[in-house]
């Protein structure tokens, strides 16, 4: 989620530079935004009244929850305040969390017959919350990795794809490490995409090519400003946020898309829980139920992420290899 007061405030620096002309079709009465040039289709709802997709409780699946969670009647869910549209962000009321992660977690809670209660914390505190037992789950674009599997259990719900986003009309395509040699690229610190970019830079040096000049910015909007000013060549981040920004702002383009688990494995995003908490089987069953009844597809479609759908949820599949492997 955005750390700034509202989504509109968060986008203000871009608007000041004229980078949000693509969002010109905005209806403040209904909190709908239609990208410039779009004729027909579904507008992006930024308001607190999301008209979320819901599903009914399934008793047999709900029975898989630990007795203490069933008795409590709530599911404590951690979401990162560092996320961006369309993953998780604030609605225009400055209070309501919205986005695909919120919607999918709500579907899981519906199926399990409990109320979702979302806690908005920094990325590192997601895992602190899991470790301490404060959170029953994290739905926050968490990639399955072999290192994380030592401490956490995962039930997958979306493909993990990354994207290089560059200025529109750059004429540049990224197919592998050689294409980023000598380029200046921004990436989030402590992320899996950073690990991949650092590895590509090392591969370039070993091959006698220039390393990547890696830059770090506090906010994603700073990366977008740096792209437009020419201070960086690209930003490497989650594909969903890149696709959303390309469609809504109209000033950038995706120049390369890759698995978040590296070249040899398709990455997966997963509901994350403390290892051996007894919760992961319930999450997997709930996710498979909403995949089968079609509500999962409805959620992905409303956020433009149908291309990242999975056909079934898996528990602890192979993940991003350990560092150094």
Foldseek 3Di string as FASTA:
>chain_A
DAPDQAPVVVCVVCVVVVLQVQQVPADPVQQWTAGPPDDDDGTARQAQPPVAQEDAADVVLLVLDPPVCVVVQEFEEEEENQDDPQQWGHGRVSPHIHHLLVRLVRRLSRHNRGHYDYDYYHPVVNVVCQVVVVGQKYRYQDWQAPVCVVWKKWKFWWWWKKFWKAFPPPPAADDALVSQFPFEEEEEPPALVVVVLQVSQVVQVVVVTHGHNYDYDPHPVVVVVCRVVVVGGTYMDTPLNNVVCCRRRVGMDTRYMGASQDDPDTITGTIMHTPPPSCNSSSQVSSQVCLVVVSSCVSCVSRVNNVTGDNGIDMNDHGRYDPPD
